[in-house]
């Protein structure tokens, strides 16, 4: 039994306890760990797949779609060249649309291309149900954005 000179009996018991390292680290680390666990559970409870990370707060439809595409592509791992090309096309067209939108140019043709690219991913890439649902949600938001532009 390892004892530390000057350590109280309670401190020695903590050192011998299997979780003693956690006890010695303090309550701050425990609180952080608890917050992380609760955050993951909250995301899961909200229906957002934990494997794809958290949705971007206050992001517009374009930013959210780009974020979701990147996370899904990363989470799914191995692709054929054609699958990778579909992700690249969608991300490129979304970035081009976003760049023009920042310059106050609503390029509906570029948005239409991006919508078609994302739809192509949903239709042709190997995706689990959760990933498809995320992209369907993103497609709906992009189509709503497009429709609002048409009706202004």
Protein backbone atom coordinates (compact mmCIF):
# COMPACT_ATOMS: atom_id res chain seq x y z
CA UNK A 1 0.00 0.00 0.00
CA UNK A 2 1.41 3.31 -1.05
CA UNK A 3 1.14 6.06 1.52
CA UNK A 4 2.07 9.63 1.14
CA UNK A 5 3.83 11.39 3.98
CA UNK A 6 1.56 14.01 5.45
CA UNK A 7 -1.55 12.80 3.62
CA UNK A 8 -4.69 12.38 5.66
CA UNK A 9 -6.45 9.03 5.94
CA UNK A 10 -9.23 10.29 3.67
CA UNK A 11 -6.69 11.32 1.01
CA UNK A 12 -5.02 7.92 1.25
CA UNK A 13 -8.38 6.18 0.80
CA UNK A 14 -9.08 8.26 -2.30
CA UNK A 15 -5.68 7.31 -3.75
CA UNK A 16 -6.42 3.61 -3.22
CA UNK A 17 -9.95 3.78 -4.66
CA UNK A 18 -10.26 2.49 -8.26
CA UNK A 19 -11.66 5.85 -9.33
CA UNK A 20 -9.25 7.76 -7.13
CA UNK A 21 -7.65 9.49 -10.09
CA UNK A 22 -11.02 10.97 -10.99
CA UNK A 23 -11.65 12.01 -7.40
CA UNK A 24 -8.26 13.74 -7.19
CA UNK A 25 -8.86 15.66 -10.41
CA UNK A 26 -11.67 17.57 -8.82
CA UNK A 27 -15.22 18.45 -9.47
CA UNK A 28 -14.52 20.65 -12.48
CA UNK A 29 -13.54 17.74 -14.71
CA UNK A 30 -16.53 15.75 -13.47
CA UNK A 31 -18.86 18.62 -14.25
CA UNK A 32 -17.38 18.96 -17.74
CA UNK A 33 -17.76 15.24 -18.39
CA UNK A 34 -21.36 15.33 -17.17
CA UNK A 35 -22.12 18.33 -19.38
CA UNK A 36 -20.68 16.53 -22.42
CA UNK A 37 -22.70 13.40 -21.74
CA UNK A 38 -25.87 15.42 -21.22
CA UNK A 39 -25.18 17.40 -24.39
CA UNK A 40 -24.82 14.24 -26.48
CA UNK A 41 -28.00 12.83 -24.97
CA UNK A 42 -29.82 16.08 -25.72
CA UNK A 43 -28.69 15.99 -29.35
CA UNK A 44 -29.81 12.39 -29.62
CA UNK A 45 -33.16 13.23 -28.03
CA UNK A 46 -33.66 16.02 -30.57
CA UNK A 47 -33.35 13.51 -33.39
CA UNK A 48 -29.98 14.72 -34.65
CA UNK A 49 -27.60 11.79 -35.15
CA UNK A 50 -24.64 12.13 -32.80
CA UNK A 51 -22.29 10.63 -35.39
CA UNK A 52 -22.80 13.70 -37.58
CA UNK A 53 -22.16 16.23 -34.80
CA UNK A 54 -24.32 19.17 -33.79
CA UNK A 55 -26.26 21.29 -36.24
CA UNK A 56 -24.72 24.69 -36.79
CA UNK A 57 -26.61 27.26 -34.71
CA UNK A 58 -28.00 30.25 -36.64
CA UNK A 59 -26.74 28.90 -39.96
CA UNK A 60 -28.65 29.60 -43.11
CA UNK A 61 -29.78 26.75 -45.35
CA UNK A 62 -26.64 26.90 -47.49
CA UNK A 63 -24.21 26.81 -44.56
CA UNK A 64 -26.19 24.06 -42.84
CA UNK A 65 -26.28 21.93 -45.98
CA UNK A 66 -22.53 22.34 -46.49
CA UNK A 67 -21.87 21.42 -42.88
CA UNK A 68 -24.13 18.37 -43.06
CA UNK A 69 -22.55 17.19 -46.33
CA UNK A 70 -19.06 17.47 -44.88
CA UNK A 71 -20.00 15.63 -41.70
CA UNK A 72 -21.86 12.87 -43.52
CA UNK A 73 -19.00 12.43 -45.99
CA UNK A 74 -16.52 12.19 -43.11
CA UNK A 75 -18.69 9.80 -41.07
CA UNK A 76 -19.33 7.44 -44.01
CA UNK A 77 -15.66 7.04 -44.84
CA UNK A 78 -14.94 4.98 -47.98
CA UNK A 79 -16.44 6.05 -51.31
CA UNK A 80 -16.29 5.21 -54.93
CA UNK A 81 -14.88 7.94 -57.14
CA UNK A 82 -18.39 8.74 -58.37
CA UNK A 83 -19.74 9.14 -54.82
CA UNK A 84 -16.86 11.44 -53.89
CA UNK A 85 -17.46 13.45 -57.06
CA UNK A 86 -21.12 13.96 -56.08
CA UNK A 87 -20.09 15.42 -52.70
CA UNK A 88 -17.46 17.62 -54.36
CA UNK A 89 -19.95 18.95 -56.92
CA UNK A 90 -22.57 19.76 -54.30
CA UNK A 91 -20.08 21.49 -52.00
CA UNK A 92 -18.53 23.45 -54.89
CA UNK A 93 -21.89 24.70 -56.20
CA UNK A 94 -23.10 25.59 -52.71
CA UNK A 95 -19.87 27.52 -52.05
CA UNK A 96 -20.17 29.35 -55.38
CA UNK A 97 -23.79 30.26 -54.64
CA UNK A 98 -22.87 31.42 -51.14
CA UNK A 99 -20.00 33.52 -52.47
CA UNK A 100 -22.28 35.29 -54.93
CA UNK A 101 -24.97 35.71 -52.29
CA UNK A 102 -22.44 37.50 -50.06
CA UNK A 103 -21.95 39.92 -52.94
CA UNK A 104 -25.75 40.40 -52.99
CA UNK A 105 -26.22 38.34 -56.16
CA UNK A 106 -28.86 35.62 -55.91
CA UNK A 107 -27.69 33.15 -58.55
CA UNK A 108 -30.75 30.92 -58.89
CA UNK A 109 -29.06 28.77 -61.55
CA UNK A 110 -26.19 27.96 -59.18
CA UNK A 111 -28.68 27.22 -56.40
CA UNK A 112 -30.60 24.94 -58.76
CA UNK A 113 -27.36 23.12 -59.58
CA UNK A 114 -26.58 22.71 -55.88
CA UNK A 115 -30.09 21.40 -55.16
CA UNK A 116 -29.75 18.93 -58.00
CA UNK A 117 -26.33 17.83 -56.70
CA UNK A 118 -27.64 17.21 -53.17
CA UNK A 119 -30.64 15.35 -54.59
CA UNK A 120 -28.20 13.26 -56.63
CA UNK A 121 -26.35 12.32 -53.43
CA UNK A 122 -29.59 11.30 -51.72
CA UNK A 123 -30.67 9.26 -54.74
CA UNK A 124 -27.37 7.56 -55.61
CA UNK A 125 -24.89 7.49 -52.70
CA UNK A 126 -24.90 4.82 -50.02
CA UNK A 127 -26.36 6.61 -46.99
CA UNK A 128 -28.01 5.45 -43.82
CA UNK A 129 -31.57 6.55 -43.08
CA UNK A 130 -30.46 9.32 -40.69
CA UNK A 131 -28.10 10.87 -43.21
CA UNK A 132 -30.81 10.79 -45.88
CA UNK A 133 -33.26 12.45 -43.49
CA UNK A 134 -30.76 15.24 -42.76
CA UNK A 135 -30.21 15.85 -46.45
CA UNK A 136 -33.97 15.76 -47.12
CA UNK A 137 -34.36 18.45 -44.46
CA UNK A 138 -31.58 20.48 -46.09
CA UNK A 139 -33.13 20.05 -49.54
CA UNK A 140 -36.45 21.33 -48.20
CA UNK A 141 -34.76 24.41 -46.76
CA UNK A 142 -32.88 25.10 -50.02
CA UNK A 143 -36.07 24.68 -52.06
CA UNK A 144 -37.91 27.03 -49.72
CA UNK A 145 -35.13 29.57 -50.17
CA UNK A 146 -35.46 29.20 -53.94
CA UNK A 147 -39.26 29.57 -53.81
CA UNK A 148 -39.02 32.73 -51.69
CA UNK A 149 -36.71 34.26 -54.28
CA UNK A 150 -39.23 33.47 -57.04
CA UNK A 151 -42.10 35.10 -55.11
CA UNK A 152 -40.49 38.38 -54.23
